[in-house]
Amino acid sequence: MTFLNYLSCELLSDAVSRPSYDRKRVRPGIVHLGLGAFHRAHQALYTEALLARGDPRWGIVGVHLREPRMAGVLARQDYLYSVTERTGETATTRVVGALCGALHAPTALPRVLSLLAEPTVSIISTTVTEKGYSLNPATGDLDQNDPDLAHDLEHPEMPRSTLGVLAAGIRQRPATAPLSVVCCDNMTANGSTLRKLLFQYASLFDRALAQRIHDDIAFPDCMVDRIVPAATPATLAEAEARLGVRDEAAIVCEPFTQWVIEDRFSGPRPAWEEAGALLTRDVALYQSMKLRLLNGTHSALAYLGQLRNRATVAEAMTDPLLAAFVTRLMCVDLLATVTVPDGFDVQAYCRDLLQRFTNPTLAHQTQQIAMDGTQKVPVRWLPALRESQALGLERPALERALAAWLHYLYCGRNEAGTPLVMSDPGAASLITRLQASANASALAQAAFEHTSVFGTAPWPQALIVRIARYLTQLREGGTDALLASAG
């Protein structure tokens, strides 16, 4: 079997595009923490376009903070990988050369920290998921109970956490070297939030470092959007068929991509706007709109899809009851809670989102989207729900979605009786509370009293009563009863 690498690139068909620039001239200007499929199919492609335009300063060194396998895969492939954009029968494939290194932090920590400290590296970007920032989702502050963070406070020069690695690298960095840290995860005010968390962490052991993080380093907010499912044997086989060689890092994703970045940097930065990104003074409206309309609806599809034994988003969208429900959730309940940027056609945006969800070639797993709900629900659903309660407004679809998530946690099985595979380290204590409840009313009350998810501010009793009613519907009639009653 022939694998993708520098030499085998010459064997690819003319239908596959490949780097047109001299990769030997490319120098690392970006270190990216969290080198998963999303980064390689999103930010790396914007950077690839700049390299192709003749700016070799922005090579990317990717850093895996946990999983070691992909760093080795990419090294064997000369840091090349393919991205296939597919919708229906239409597909295009390219080989990407923007990576000039891939490291596994636990086994190459000195090299990682040295790169973070390198003055020619002026951008550190991150995609480590919401749970990767030691964030307490209910308070928005640093979670000092995070075991990796506790380790890093004892051993700040041998860090394990995202914050610990960032702080240790910055600590070694010359004070005169400007730096921007670009968080690309789905958190409200993601750059500002990372800045606050990193400042809080550094304040616990090095006040000078904390002040430097606060005063000298830029943390622009940004919004990213592209559906990038995890690789499967089928997608790897599809890429191999298109390439004619084996690519163990291949990605198959949708054609749509969007990146909105706050124009707030310190020092040199890539001209990502020349590759299609939108640079703006205020990302907040775009961020909130995407978090609620896309990610919020995705979560509802995931939990209800898992309960109804729908393996993928596209399969869930073929379920008439479920498709009608999420359309109402997005286009009525959640849309009513967002402020739309001037000149933005939000109705067209919603139609496009729903159409993207139906793309069967993506095979986006509902199980994957359902991961880490205790981190996602507090940012995707609860702010919209709390704002609505303050105005005395009910959100029937959003409230039903919340009840479905609680029922998903409580049951641990889908409606066919198959155990659900859950991946949410923060859920154990909440599940214990739920399963100790004698009835639906007690379960709803216990959930809203779980402050690490729902916060310390009280929730209206009328809302808790409605959630209990929806939980009763789920217990007595399953998701059919819940969705049918949504109208």
Protein backbone atom coordinates (compact mmCIF):
# COMPACT_ATOMS: atom_id res chain seq x y z
CA MET A 1 0.00 0.00 0.00
CA THR A 2 1.31 3.44 -0.95
CA PHE A 3 0.76 6.21 1.59
CA LEU A 4 0.41 9.93 1.01
CA ASN A 5 3.70 11.76 1.40
CA TYR A 6 5.95 14.20 -0.47
CA LEU A 7 7.02 11.63 -3.07
CA SER A 8 3.62 10.01 -3.64
CA CYS A 9 2.09 13.43 -4.28
CA GLU A 10 3.55 13.08 -7.76
CA LEU A 11 1.32 10.05 -8.33
CA LEU A 12 -1.96 11.89 -7.73
CA SER A 13 -4.34 12.54 -10.58
CA ASP A 14 -4.77 16.00 -12.03
CA ALA A 15 -8.23 16.12 -10.42
CA VAL A 16 -6.60 16.41 -6.98
CA SER A 17 -5.09 19.79 -6.24
CA ARG A 18 -1.89 19.93 -4.23
CA PRO A 19 0.41 22.62 -2.78
CA SER A 20 1.63 24.90 -5.56
CA TYR A 21 4.27 26.60 -3.42
CA ASP A 22 7.72 25.50 -2.29
CA ARG A 23 7.11 23.93 1.14
CA LYS A 24 10.85 24.09 1.88
CA ARG A 25 10.53 27.88 2.16
CA VAL A 26 7.70 27.73 4.70
CA ARG A 27 8.62 28.70 8.26
CA PRO A 28 6.56 28.20 11.42
CA GLY A 29 4.60 31.33 12.30
CA ILE A 30 1.62 29.64 13.96
CA VAL A 31 1.44 27.03 16.72
CA HIS A 32 -1.94 25.37 16.96
CA LEU A 33 -3.06 23.53 20.11
CA GLY A 34 -5.59 20.80 19.38
CA LEU A 35 -4.65 19.45 15.97
CA GLY A 36 -7.91 17.63 15.26
CA ALA A 37 -9.93 17.33 12.08
CA PHE A 38 -11.73 20.64 12.55
CA HIS A 39 -8.57 22.76 12.54
CA ARG A 40 -7.12 20.87 9.59
CA ALA A 41 -10.34 21.42 7.60
CA HIS A 42 -10.87 25.03 8.64
CA GLN A 43 -8.17 27.42 9.90
CA ALA A 44 -5.40 25.47 8.16
CA LEU A 45 -7.14 25.90 4.80
CA TYR A 46 -7.36 29.67 5.20
CA THR A 47 -3.64 29.65 5.97
CA GLU A 48 -2.95 27.31 3.04
CA ALA A 49 -4.45 29.94 0.73
CA LEU A 50 -1.98 32.54 2.02
CA LEU A 51 0.98 30.22 1.51
CA ALA A 52 -0.22 29.67 -2.05
CA ARG A 53 -0.29 33.45 -2.53
CA GLY A 54 3.43 33.57 -1.72
CA ASP A 55 3.64 34.39 2.01
CA PRO A 56 5.81 31.63 3.57
CA ARG A 57 5.78 33.06 7.12
CA TRP A 58 2.70 31.18 8.28
CA GLY A 59 3.52 27.52 8.43
CA ILE A 60 1.64 25.71 11.21
CA VAL A 61 3.08 23.42 13.86
CA GLY A 62 0.21 21.44 15.37
CA VAL A 63 0.29 20.23 18.95
CA HIS A 64 -1.75 17.34 20.27
CA LEU A 65 -2.33 17.76 24.00
CA ARG A 66 -3.75 14.26 24.57
CA GLU A 67 -3.94 11.77 21.71
CA PRO A 68 -0.51 10.73 20.33
CA ARG A 69 -1.47 8.80 17.19
CA MET A 70 -2.15 11.60 14.71
CA ALA A 71 1.19 13.34 15.29
CA GLY A 72 2.92 10.15 14.18
CA VAL A 73 0.57 9.69 11.21
CA LEU A 74 1.23 13.22 9.95
CA ALA A 75 4.99 12.92 10.44
CA ARG A 76 5.03 9.75 8.30
CA GLN A 77 3.08 11.63 5.63
CA ASP A 78 5.49 14.60 5.60
CA TYR A 79 2.68 16.55 7.32
CA LEU A 80 0.48 16.29 4.23
CA TYR A 81 -3.19 15.34 4.38
CA SER A 82 -6.24 15.60 2.14
CA VAL A 83 -9.56 17.39 2.49
CA THR A 84 -12.53 16.25 0.41
CA GLU A 85 -15.47 18.64 0.30
CA ARG A 86 -18.62 16.74 -0.56
CA THR A 87 -22.31 17.40 -1.00
CA GLY A 88 -24.45 14.79 -2.70
CA GLU A 89 -22.56 13.43 -5.70
CA THR A 90 -20.33 16.51 -6.01
CA ALA A 91 -16.88 16.31 -4.44
CA THR A 92 -13.50 18.00 -4.74
CA THR A 93 -10.27 16.86 -3.12
CA ARG A 94 -7.12 18.78 -2.28
CA VAL A 95 -3.86 17.96 -0.52
CA VAL A 96 -2.92 20.50 2.14
CA GLY A 97 0.67 21.46 2.97
CA ALA A 98 0.22 24.18 5.59
CA LEU A 99 1.51 21.94 8.40
CA CYS A 100 5.24 21.93 8.89
CA GLY A 101 5.23 19.95 12.11
CA ALA A 102 3.06 17.95 14.51
CA LEU A 103 3.99 17.29 18.14
CA HIS A 104 2.51 15.31 21.03
CA ALA A 105 2.90 17.61 24.03
CA PRO A 106 3.25 14.94 26.78
CA THR A 107 6.21 13.37 24.96
CA ALA A 108 7.73 16.49 23.36
CA LEU A 109 7.02 19.17 25.96
CA PRO A 110 10.38 21.02 25.82
CA ARG A 111 10.04 21.36 22.04
CA VAL A 112 6.42 22.57 22.36
CA LEU A 113 7.31 25.20 24.94
CA SER A 114 10.31 26.30 22.90
CA LEU A 115 8.08 26.85 19.88
CA LEU A 116 5.53 28.81 21.90
CA ALA A 117 8.40 31.02 23.07
CA GLU A 118 9.88 31.50 19.59
CA PRO A 119 9.62 35.22 18.58
CA THR A 120 8.92 34.34 14.93
CA VAL A 121 5.76 32.58 16.11
CA SER A 122 3.29 35.43 16.53
CA ILE A 123 0.04 33.40 16.50
CA ILE A 124 -1.04 30.64 18.87
CA SER A 125 -4.43 29.23 17.93
CA THR A 126 -6.56 26.66 19.74
CA THR A 127 -9.33 24.12 19.13
CA VAL A 128 -9.42 21.98 22.28
CA THR A 129 -13.25 21.87 22.76
CA GLU A 130 -15.09 23.68 25.52
CA LYS A 131 -13.93 21.27 28.23
CA GLY A 132 -10.26 21.90 27.35
CA TYR A 133 -10.03 25.30 29.05
CA SER A 134 -10.60 24.34 32.71
CA LEU A 135 -13.76 26.45 32.60
CA ASN A 136 -16.59 26.21 35.09
CA PRO A 137 -19.51 26.57 32.65
CA ALA A 138 -21.93 27.83 35.30
CA THR A 139 -19.71 30.67 36.58
CA GLY A 140 -17.55 31.39 33.53
CA ASP A 141 -14.47 31.34 35.80
CA LEU A 142 -11.52 29.03 36.29
CA ASP A 143 -12.36 25.56 37.56
CA GLN A 144 -9.67 24.98 40.14
CA ASN A 145 -10.99 21.46 40.73
CA ASP A 146 -9.77 20.39 37.29
CA PRO A 147 -7.17 17.67 38.11
CA ASP A 148 -4.83 18.67 35.28
CA LEU A 149 -4.95 22.28 36.44
CA ALA A 150 -4.20 21.23 40.01
CA HIS A 151 -1.16 19.33 38.73
CA ASP A 152 0.01 22.34 36.73
CA LEU A 153 -0.23 24.66 39.74
CA GLU A 154 2.14 22.33 41.56
CA HIS A 155 4.39 21.84 38.51
CA PRO A 156 3.97 24.90 36.23
CA GLU A 157 7.02 23.97 34.14
CA MET A 158 5.65 20.48 33.40
CA PRO A 159 2.08 21.30 32.40
CA ARG A 160 -0.70 19.01 31.20
CA SER A 161 -3.61 21.41 30.68
CA THR A 162 -4.20 23.86 27.83
CA LEU A 163 -3.81 26.81 30.20
CA GLY A 164 -0.71 25.30 31.73
CA VAL A 165 0.97 24.77 28.36
CA LEU A 166 0.09 28.29 27.21
CA ALA A 167 1.36 29.88 30.42
CA ALA A 168 4.61 27.89 30.45
CA GLY A 169 5.33 28.83 26.83
CA ILE A 170 4.57 32.51 27.36
CA ARG A 171 6.72 32.49 30.50
CA GLN A 172 9.74 31.53 28.36
CA ARG A 173 8.90 34.02 25.63
CA PRO A 174 10.87 37.28 25.28
CA ALA A 175 8.87 40.20 26.67
CA THR A 176 9.46 42.14 23.45
CA ALA A 177 7.93 39.47 21.17
CA PRO A 178 4.29 40.36 20.36
CA LEU A 179 1.75 37.55 20.48
CA SER A 180 -1.90 36.94 19.62
CA VAL A 181 -3.81 33.91 20.93
CA VAL A 182 -6.75 32.97 18.69
CA CYS A 183 -9.31 30.70 20.38
CA CYS A 184 -11.51 28.96 17.81
CA ASP A 185 -13.78 26.93 20.09
CA ASN A 186 -17.52 27.36 20.54
CA MET A 187 -17.55 29.55 23.64
CA THR A 188 -19.25 32.91 24.02
CA ALA A 189 -16.59 35.63 23.74
CA ASN A 190 -14.06 32.86 23.29
CA GLY A 191 -10.95 35.06 23.09
CA SER A 192 -11.94 37.22 26.02
CA THR A 193 -12.89 34.13 28.01
CA LEU A 194 -9.53 32.46 27.35
CA ARG A 195 -7.74 35.66 28.34
CA LYS A 196 -9.63 35.76 31.64
CA LEU A 197 -9.03 32.08 32.41
CA LEU A 198 -5.33 32.27 31.56
CA PHE A 199 -4.98 35.41 33.69
CA GLN A 200 -6.77 33.73 36.62
CA TYR A 201 -4.55 30.66 36.31
CA ALA A 202 -1.27 32.61 36.11
CA SER A 203 -2.34 34.82 39.04
CA LEU A 204 -2.22 31.77 41.28
CA PHE A 205 1.55 31.35 40.93
CA ASP A 206 3.14 34.22 38.95
CA ARG A 207 1.66 37.72 39.21
CA ALA A 208 4.11 39.19 36.71
CA LEU A 209 3.14 36.60 34.12
CA ALA A 210 -0.54 37.26 34.80
CA GLN A 211 -0.07 40.99 34.29
CA ARG A 212 1.76 40.36 31.03
CA ILE A 213 -1.08 38.15 29.79
CA HIS A 214 -3.58 40.85 30.74
CA ASP A 215 -1.71 43.81 29.29
CA ASP A 216 0.43 42.68 26.37
CA ILE A 217 -1.13 39.69 24.60
CA ALA A 218 -4.08 39.97 22.21
CA PHE A 219 -6.96 37.49 22.47
CA PRO A 220 -9.31 38.27 19.56
CA ASP A 221 -12.76 36.70 19.65
CA CYS A 222 -13.79 34.69 16.63
CA MET A 223 -16.59 32.56 15.23
CA VAL A 224 -15.90 29.45 13.17
CA ASP A 225 -18.38 27.40 11.18
CA ARG A 226 -17.88 24.22 9.23
CA ILE A 227 -19.34 20.76 9.79
CA VAL A 228 -16.37 18.39 10.02
CA PRO A 229 -17.34 14.86 11.10
CA ALA A 230 -14.80 12.56 12.66
CA ALA A 231 -13.04 10.24 10.22
CA THR A 232 -14.50 6.76 9.72
CA PRO A 233 -13.27 3.71 7.80
CA ALA A 234 -15.72 4.72 5.05
CA THR A 235 -14.40 8.28 4.72
CA LEU A 236 -10.79 7.06 4.73
CA ALA A 237 -11.68 4.57 2.00
CA GLU A 238 -13.40 7.30 -0.03
CA ALA A 239 -10.31 9.51 0.22
CA GLU A 240 -8.08 6.63 -0.83
CA ALA A 241 -10.26 5.99 -3.88
CA ARG A 242 -10.04 9.64 -4.90
CA LEU A 243 -6.31 10.00 -4.20
CA GLY A 244 -5.04 6.63 -5.35
CA VAL A 245 -2.89 6.48 -2.21
CA ARG A 246 -3.71 5.93 1.47
CA ASP A 247 -4.14 9.00 3.68
CA GLU A 248 -4.60 8.11 7.35
CA ALA A 249 -5.32 11.78 8.15
CA ALA A 250 -7.94 12.29 5.44
CA ILE A 251 -10.97 14.50 6.10
CA VAL A 252 -14.34 14.50 4.35
CA CYS A 253 -16.47 17.55 5.15
CA GLU A 254 -19.06 19.93 3.72
CA PRO A 255 -18.14 22.70 1.26
CA PHE A 256 -19.46 25.50 3.52
CA THR A 257 -16.93 27.36 5.64
CA GLN A 258 -17.06 30.63 7.60
CA TRP A 259 -14.62 32.47 9.88
CA VAL A 260 -15.39 35.80 11.53
CA ILE A 261 -12.44 37.28 13.47
CA GLU A 262 -12.21 40.31 15.72
CA ASP A 263 -9.61 42.68 14.29
CA ARG A 264 -7.60 42.89 17.52
CA PHE A 265 -4.08 41.52 17.17
CA SER A 266 -0.67 42.21 18.65
CA GLY A 267 2.15 42.13 16.12
CA PRO A 268 2.18 40.36 12.74
CA ARG A 269 -0.76 38.23 11.69
CA PRO A 270 -1.80 36.24 8.60
CA ALA A 271 -3.97 38.16 6.12
CA TRP A 272 -6.77 35.63 6.56
CA GLU A 273 -9.27 38.09 5.09
CA GLU A 274 -7.53 37.56 1.73
CA ALA A 275 -8.56 33.90 2.01
CA GLY A 276 -12.20 34.68 2.78
CA ALA A 277 -12.33 35.34 6.52
CA LEU A 278 -14.32 38.34 7.74
CA LEU A 279 -12.35 40.75 9.96
CA THR A 280 -14.66 42.88 12.08
CA ARG A 281 -14.65 45.07 15.19
CA ASP A 282 -17.46 43.06 16.84
CA VAL A 283 -17.84 39.28 16.58
CA ALA A 284 -20.42 38.92 19.36
CA LEU A 285 -23.55 39.01 17.19
CA TYR A 286 -22.17 36.43 14.75
CA GLN A 287 -20.95 34.28 17.62
CA SER A 288 -24.27 34.28 19.48
CA MET A 289 -26.21 33.64 16.29
CA LYS A 290 -24.08 30.63 15.36
CA LEU A 291 -23.93 29.19 18.90
CA ARG A 292 -27.70 29.27 19.24
CA LEU A 293 -28.99 28.58 15.73
CA LEU A 294 -26.42 26.03 14.53
CA ASN A 295 -24.86 24.55 17.66
CA GLY A 296 -28.02 24.79 19.76
CA THR A 297 -30.07 23.01 17.10
CA HIS A 298 -27.29 20.46 16.58
CA SER A 299 -27.42 19.55 20.27
CA ALA A 300 -31.18 19.00 20.11
CA LEU A 301 -30.72 16.77 17.05
CA ALA A 302 -28.02 14.87 18.92
CA TYR A 303 -29.93 14.08 22.12
CA LEU A 304 -33.27 13.40 20.48
CA GLY A 305 -31.52 11.56 17.66
CA GLN A 306 -29.71 9.35 20.15
CA LEU A 307 -32.96 8.60 21.99
CA ARG A 308 -34.71 7.81 18.69
CA ASN A 309 -31.81 5.63 17.47
CA ARG A 310 -30.79 8.00 14.66
CA ALA A 311 -27.04 7.54 14.16
CA THR A 312 -26.34 10.63 12.04
CA VAL A 313 -27.66 14.16 11.66
CA ALA A 314 -28.79 13.46 8.10
CA GLU A 315 -30.67 10.37 9.26
CA ALA A 316 -32.30 12.39 12.03
CA MET A 317 -33.44 14.95 9.47
CA THR A 318 -35.29 12.22 7.56
CA ASP A 319 -37.42 11.65 10.69
CA PRO A 320 -40.50 13.85 10.04
CA LEU A 321 -41.30 14.50 13.70
CA LEU A 322 -37.72 15.34 14.56
CA ALA A 323 -37.12 17.50 11.46
CA ALA A 324 -40.28 19.52 12.13
CA PHE A 325 -39.28 19.96 15.77
CA VAL A 326 -35.74 21.22 15.14
CA THR A 327 -37.03 23.54 12.41
CA ARG A 328 -39.35 25.11 14.97
CA LEU A 329 -36.58 25.18 17.58
CA MET A 330 -34.23 27.03 15.23
CA CYS A 331 -36.59 29.25 13.26
CA VAL A 332 -38.97 30.21 16.08
CA ASP A 333 -37.62 29.73 19.60
CA LEU A 334 -33.89 30.29 19.12
CA LEU A 335 -34.19 32.84 16.33
CA ALA A 336 -36.33 35.01 18.60
CA THR A 337 -33.41 35.24 21.06
CA VAL A 338 -30.68 36.47 18.68
CA THR A 339 -29.78 39.96 17.52
CA VAL A 340 -29.03 39.84 13.80
CA PRO A 341 -26.08 41.83 12.36
CA ASP A 342 -27.12 44.68 10.08
CA GLY A 343 -27.64 43.54 6.51
CA PHE A 344 -27.45 39.83 7.39
CA ASP A 345 -30.20 37.63 5.87
CA VAL A 346 -30.92 35.43 8.87
CA GLN A 347 -33.88 33.66 7.22
CA ALA A 348 -31.59 32.51 4.40
CA TYR A 349 -28.99 31.51 7.02
CA CYS A 350 -31.55 29.29 8.79
CA ARG A 351 -32.62 27.69 5.52
CA ASP A 352 -29.00 27.01 4.64
CA LEU A 353 -28.35 25.47 8.06
CA LEU A 354 -31.29 23.10 7.77
CA GLN A 355 -30.17 22.16 4.26
CA ARG A 356 -26.62 21.51 5.50
CA PHE A 357 -28.00 19.17 8.16
CA THR A 358 -29.58 17.00 5.45
CA ASN A 359 -26.28 16.32 3.63
CA PRO A 360 -26.11 12.49 3.82
CA THR A 361 -22.51 12.25 2.68
CA LEU A 362 -21.18 13.82 5.89
CA ALA A 363 -22.35 11.03 8.24
CA HIS A 364 -22.03 13.42 11.19
CA GLN A 365 -22.61 11.17 14.19
CA THR A 366 -25.21 12.26 16.75
CA GLN A 367 -23.14 10.44 19.36
CA GLN A 368 -20.20 12.73 18.57
CA ILE A 369 -22.30 15.91 18.84
CA ALA A 370 -23.83 14.67 22.11
CA MET A 371 -20.42 14.62 23.82
CA ASP A 372 -19.75 16.98 26.75
CA GLY A 373 -23.30 18.22 27.17
CA THR A 374 -22.54 19.66 30.60
CA GLN A 375 -20.14 22.04 28.86
CA LYS A 376 -22.27 22.73 25.78
CA VAL A 377 -25.79 23.15 27.20
CA PRO A 378 -24.76 26.11 29.44
CA VAL A 379 -23.60 28.10 26.39
CA ARG A 380 -25.92 26.84 23.63
CA TRP A 381 -29.29 26.77 25.43
CA LEU A 382 -29.27 28.23 28.91
CA PRO A 383 -28.48 31.89 28.09
CA ALA A 384 -31.37 32.02 25.60
CA LEU A 385 -33.62 30.29 28.11
CA ARG A 386 -32.67 32.62 30.97
CA GLU A 387 -33.12 35.74 28.83
CA SER A 388 -36.56 34.52 27.80
CA GLN A 389 -37.58 33.78 31.39
CA ALA A 390 -36.55 37.30 32.41
CA LEU A 391 -39.01 38.61 29.81
CA GLY A 392 -41.74 36.23 30.98
CA LEU A 393 -41.62 34.29 27.70
CA GLU A 394 -41.98 30.55 27.23
CA ARG A 395 -39.85 28.75 24.63
CA PRO A 396 -41.75 25.49 24.12
CA ALA A 397 -39.31 23.82 21.72
CA LEU A 398 -36.19 24.87 23.64
CA GLU A 399 -37.72 23.72 26.92
CA ARG A 400 -38.61 20.35 25.37
CA ALA A 401 -35.04 20.01 24.09
CA LEU A 402 -33.73 20.60 27.61
CA ALA A 403 -36.13 17.98 28.99
CA ALA A 404 -34.93 15.53 26.31
CA TRP A 405 -31.30 16.05 27.40
CA LEU A 406 -32.17 15.38 31.04
CA HIS A 407 -34.15 12.28 29.99
CA TYR A 408 -31.17 11.12 27.89
CA LEU A 409 -28.90 11.40 30.95
CA TYR A 410 -31.45 9.80 33.27
CA CYS A 411 -32.25 6.78 31.05
CA GLY A 412 -28.86 6.00 29.58
CA ARG A 413 -30.66 3.98 26.90
CA ASN A 414 -32.35 4.76 23.61
CA GLU A 415 -35.96 3.89 22.93
CA ALA A 416 -34.94 0.56 21.42
CA GLY A 417 -33.38 -0.35 24.78
CA THR A 418 -29.76 -0.10 23.63
CA PRO A 419 -27.34 1.47 26.13
CA LEU A 420 -26.18 4.91 25.05
CA VAL A 421 -22.47 5.61 24.73
CA MET A 422 -21.94 8.84 26.67
CA SER A 423 -18.77 10.88 26.73
CA ASP A 424 -19.17 13.69 29.25
CA PRO A 425 -16.81 13.73 32.24
CA GLY A 426 -18.91 16.44 33.89
CA ALA A 427 -22.15 14.46 33.78
CA ALA A 428 -21.57 11.83 36.47
CA SER A 429 -22.70 13.94 39.43
CA LEU A 430 -25.71 15.27 37.54
CA ILE A 431 -26.77 11.76 36.50
CA THR A 432 -26.51 10.64 40.13
CA ARG A 433 -28.85 13.48 41.14
CA LEU A 434 -31.32 12.66 38.39
CA GLN A 435 -31.42 8.95 39.07
CA ALA A 436 -32.00 9.55 42.77
CA SER A 437 -35.21 11.48 41.99
CA ALA A 438 -38.48 9.78 42.86
CA ASN A 439 -40.54 11.33 40.06
CA ALA A 440 -40.38 13.80 37.18
CA SER A 441 -41.01 16.82 39.40
CA ALA A 442 -38.15 15.88 41.72
CA LEU A 443 -35.91 15.19 38.73
CA ALA A 444 -36.55 18.63 37.22
CA GLN A 445 -35.96 20.33 40.57
CA ALA A 446 -32.74 18.39 41.13
CA ALA A 447 -31.46 19.34 37.67
CA PHE A 448 -31.99 23.09 38.13
CA GLU A 449 -30.29 22.89 41.53
CA HIS A 450 -27.15 21.42 39.91
CA THR A 451 -25.22 24.69 40.00
CA SER A 452 -22.18 23.55 38.01
CA VAL A 453 -24.45 23.45 34.94
CA PHE A 454 -27.45 25.67 35.73
CA GLY A 455 -25.66 28.32 37.80
CA THR A 456 -26.46 29.71 41.23
CA ALA A 457 -29.13 32.25 40.20
CA PRO A 458 -32.61 30.81 40.81
CA TRP A 459 -34.78 29.65 37.92
CA PRO A 460 -38.54 30.39 37.80
CA GLN A 461 -40.63 27.68 39.40
CA ALA A 462 -43.06 27.82 36.48
CA LEU A 463 -40.25 26.77 34.12
CA ILE A 464 -39.30 23.85 36.38
CA VAL A 465 -42.95 22.74 36.42
CA ARG A 466 -43.08 22.79 32.62
CA ILE A 467 -39.84 20.80 32.34
CA ALA A 468 -41.33 18.24 34.75
CA ARG A 469 -44.42 18.00 32.53
CA TYR A 470 -42.25 17.32 29.48
CA LEU A 471 -40.27 14.73 31.42
CA THR A 472 -43.55 13.01 32.30
CA GLN A 473 -44.48 12.98 28.60
CA LEU A 474 -41.15 11.34 27.83
CA ARG A 475 -41.61 8.72 30.53
CA GLU A 476 -45.15 7.87 29.50
CA GLY A 477 -45.12 8.27 25.73
CA GLY A 478 -41.47 8.58 24.71
CA THR A 479 -40.09 11.13 22.29
CA ASP A 480 -43.11 10.67 19.98
CA ALA A 481 -45.34 12.19 22.65
CA LEU A 482 -42.90 15.02 23.35
CA LEU A 483 -42.42 15.97 19.71
CA ALA A 484 -46.06 15.57 18.71
CA SER A 485 -47.11 17.96 21.48
CA ALA A 486 -44.69 20.59 20.15
CA GLY A 487 -47.08 21.33 17.29
